[in-house]
Amino acid sequence: MNLKNSISAKETYNRDIKWLFDFTQDLNNRKTWDKQTLEIDIIGDIIELKKGTRVYTKSVEGIMMETEYLTFKSPNEISIKMMNKSPIFRNFIGTWKYDSTNNCKTTIKITYCFNLRFPYNLINRKVSQKIRVNMTEKLHLLKKYLIELENENFL
């Protein structure tokens, strides 16, 4: 599969890599900080995320996606592939890479690779820009939530 578009965003957090990986890959936690995701749940009888697990998401913009975990390498990386037919995306793969820095800090880099369906491929630049804004906002929502969590623990 030749994916023509690739967009990345990254952010550094004052958290240990293992803790941050576990926190962001726990779907119940995801519902508390990711205000862009309206719904997110595991599909089927599996109760934990791992390679092969299927997950359903619905964004606040109404975009629904069924994905399958292609990789689940704690605490360093996950990748997902879109499994359903989307009105916007012909193909979609997303990765989250976690890199530990000094002083117990962790950088998360999200990368989305995709091909758009007609007529969205005609406004590829505009759609890609919107996706980049959403990715950056997702990382900022996580940072804001973690800062609020730290402040609550100090009170």
Protein backbone atom coordinates (compact mmCIF):
# COMPACT_ATOMS: atom_id res chain seq x y z
CA MET A 1 0.00 0.00 0.00
CA ASN A 2 1.47 3.33 -1.10
CA LEU A 3 0.37 6.07 1.30
CA LYS A 4 0.86 9.50 -0.27
CA ASN A 5 0.31 11.72 2.78
CA SER A 6 2.30 11.68 6.00
CA ILE A 7 1.77 14.11 8.88
CA SER A 8 3.51 14.14 12.27
CA ALA A 9 3.33 16.09 15.51
CA LYS A 10 5.21 15.62 18.77
CA GLU A 11 5.21 16.84 22.34
CA THR A 12 7.33 16.20 25.43
CA TYR A 13 5.79 15.38 28.81
CA ASN A 14 7.15 15.33 32.37
CA ARG A 15 6.33 11.65 32.77
CA ASP A 16 8.14 8.33 32.77
CA ILE A 17 7.84 6.48 29.43
CA LYS A 18 6.19 3.36 30.87
CA TRP A 19 3.68 5.38 32.89
CA LEU A 20 2.81 7.59 29.90
CA PHE A 21 2.48 4.65 27.52
CA ASP A 22 0.18 2.79 29.91
CA PHE A 23 -1.87 5.93 30.61
CA THR A 24 -2.40 6.90 26.97
CA GLN A 25 -3.13 3.34 25.84
CA ASP A 26 -5.77 2.79 28.54
CA LEU A 27 -9.05 3.56 26.79
CA ASN A 28 -10.76 4.63 30.02
CA ASN A 29 -8.00 7.21 30.59
CA ARG A 30 -8.28 8.28 26.95
CA LYS A 31 -11.89 9.25 27.53
CA THR A 32 -10.83 11.63 30.33
CA TRP A 33 -8.29 13.73 28.41
CA ASP A 34 -8.95 13.33 24.68
CA LYS A 35 -11.83 15.72 24.07
CA GLN A 36 -11.55 15.11 20.30
CA THR A 37 -12.71 11.52 20.72
CA LEU A 38 -16.41 11.15 21.42
CA GLU A 39 -16.38 7.34 21.61
CA ILE A 40 -13.61 4.74 21.86
CA ASP A 41 -14.06 1.07 22.69
CA ILE A 42 -12.58 -2.34 22.01
CA ILE A 43 -14.48 -4.40 19.44
CA GLY A 44 -15.24 -7.99 20.43
CA ASP A 45 -14.45 -10.01 23.54
CA ILE A 46 -10.81 -8.96 23.99
CA ILE A 47 -10.31 -7.01 27.22
CA GLU A 48 -6.80 -5.64 26.66
CA LEU A 49 -4.99 -3.78 23.94
CA LYS A 50 -2.43 -5.85 22.05
CA LYS A 51 -1.43 -6.64 18.48
CA GLY A 52 -4.56 -7.66 16.60
CA THR A 53 -7.01 -5.87 18.91
CA ARG A 54 -9.72 -3.98 17.06
CA VAL A 55 -10.93 -0.62 18.34
CA TYR A 56 -13.85 1.58 17.33
CA THR A 57 -13.52 5.37 17.55
CA LYS A 58 -15.81 8.26 16.76
CA SER A 59 -14.48 11.80 16.69
CA VAL A 60 -16.42 14.84 17.85
CA GLU A 61 -16.61 15.72 14.14
CA GLY A 62 -18.54 12.49 13.51
CA ILE A 63 -15.74 10.56 11.78
CA MET A 64 -16.00 6.87 12.66
CA MET A 65 -13.12 4.46 12.30
CA GLU A 66 -12.56 0.80 13.08
CA THR A 67 -8.87 0.10 13.53
CA GLU A 68 -6.66 -2.86 14.26
CA TYR A 69 -3.44 -2.67 16.24
CA LEU A 70 -0.60 -3.68 13.92
CA THR A 71 1.97 -3.22 16.69
CA PHE A 72 1.75 -2.89 20.45
CA LYS A 73 5.27 -2.65 21.82
CA SER A 74 5.12 -1.34 25.37
CA PRO A 75 6.46 1.20 26.21
CA ASN A 76 7.79 2.35 22.83
CA GLU A 77 5.27 2.16 20.01
CA ILE A 78 1.80 1.35 18.79
CA SER A 79 0.48 1.41 15.26
CA ILE A 80 -3.04 1.02 13.94
CA LYS A 81 -4.58 0.44 10.54
CA MET A 82 -8.05 1.52 9.47
CA MET A 83 -10.20 -1.52 8.73
CA ASN A 84 -13.57 -0.02 7.76
CA LYS A 85 -14.54 1.85 4.63
CA SER A 86 -14.35 5.57 5.31
CA PRO A 87 -15.99 8.35 3.27
CA ILE A 88 -12.79 10.43 3.74
CA PHE A 89 -9.86 8.01 3.85
CA ARG A 90 -9.03 5.36 1.26
CA ASN A 91 -6.26 4.05 3.56
CA PHE A 92 -5.04 5.13 6.98
CA ILE A 93 -2.22 4.05 9.31
CA GLY A 94 -1.39 5.81 12.56
CA THR A 95 1.63 5.39 14.84
CA TRP A 96 2.41 6.69 18.31
CA LYS A 97 6.13 6.53 19.18
CA TYR A 98 7.33 7.11 22.73
CA ASP A 99 10.92 8.18 23.35
CA SER A 100 12.41 8.56 26.80
CA THR A 101 14.51 11.64 27.43
CA ASN A 102 16.60 12.52 30.42
CA ASN A 103 14.95 13.54 33.71
CA CYS A 104 12.02 11.10 33.30
CA LYS A 105 10.56 12.99 30.36
CA THR A 106 8.93 11.31 27.40
CA THR A 107 8.30 12.54 23.87
CA ILE A 108 5.28 11.23 21.98
CA LYS A 109 5.34 11.52 18.22
CA ILE A 110 2.10 10.81 16.38
CA THR A 111 2.30 10.10 12.65
CA TYR A 112 -0.66 9.58 10.35
CA CYS A 113 -0.13 8.19 6.85
CA PHE A 114 -3.12 8.12 4.53
CA ASN A 115 -4.70 8.39 1.12
CA LEU A 116 -7.87 10.44 0.70
CA ARG A 117 -10.98 9.49 -1.24
CA PHE A 118 -12.59 11.65 -3.90
CA PRO A 119 -13.56 14.51 -3.52
CA TYR A 120 -11.30 15.05 -0.44
CA ASN A 121 -8.21 14.30 -2.51
CA LEU A 122 -8.99 17.46 -4.50
CA ILE A 123 -8.51 19.54 -1.35
CA ASN A 124 -5.65 17.46 0.00
CA ARG A 125 -3.73 20.44 1.42
CA LYS A 126 -6.76 21.73 3.36
CA VAL A 127 -7.65 18.29 4.74
CA SER A 128 -4.01 17.61 5.70
CA GLN A 129 -3.81 20.97 7.47
CA LYS A 130 -6.97 20.15 9.48
CA ILE A 131 -5.52 16.75 10.44
CA ARG A 132 -2.25 18.39 11.57
CA VAL A 133 -4.17 20.89 13.72
CA ASN A 134 -6.17 18.03 15.28
CA MET A 135 -3.01 16.00 16.01
CA THR A 136 -1.32 18.97 17.66
CA GLU A 137 -4.45 19.73 19.69
CA LYS A 138 -4.65 16.08 20.85
CA LEU A 139 -1.10 16.28 22.20
CA HIS A 140 -1.85 19.63 23.87
CA LEU A 141 -5.01 18.23 25.47
CA LEU A 142 -2.90 15.44 26.97
CA LYS A 143 -0.32 17.93 28.27
CA LYS A 144 -3.01 20.16 29.78
CA TYR A 145 -4.67 17.19 31.47
CA LEU A 146 -1.38 15.94 32.95
CA ILE A 147 -0.54 19.40 34.29
CA GLU A 148 -3.98 19.62 35.91
CA LEU A 149 -3.44 16.14 37.38
CA GLU A 150 -0.09 17.23 38.86
CA ASN A 151 -1.66 20.37 40.33
CA GLU A 152 -4.46 18.34 41.97
CA ASN A 153 -1.90 16.03 43.56
CA PHE A 154 -0.07 19.01 45.06
CA LEU A 155 -3.18 20.47 46.68
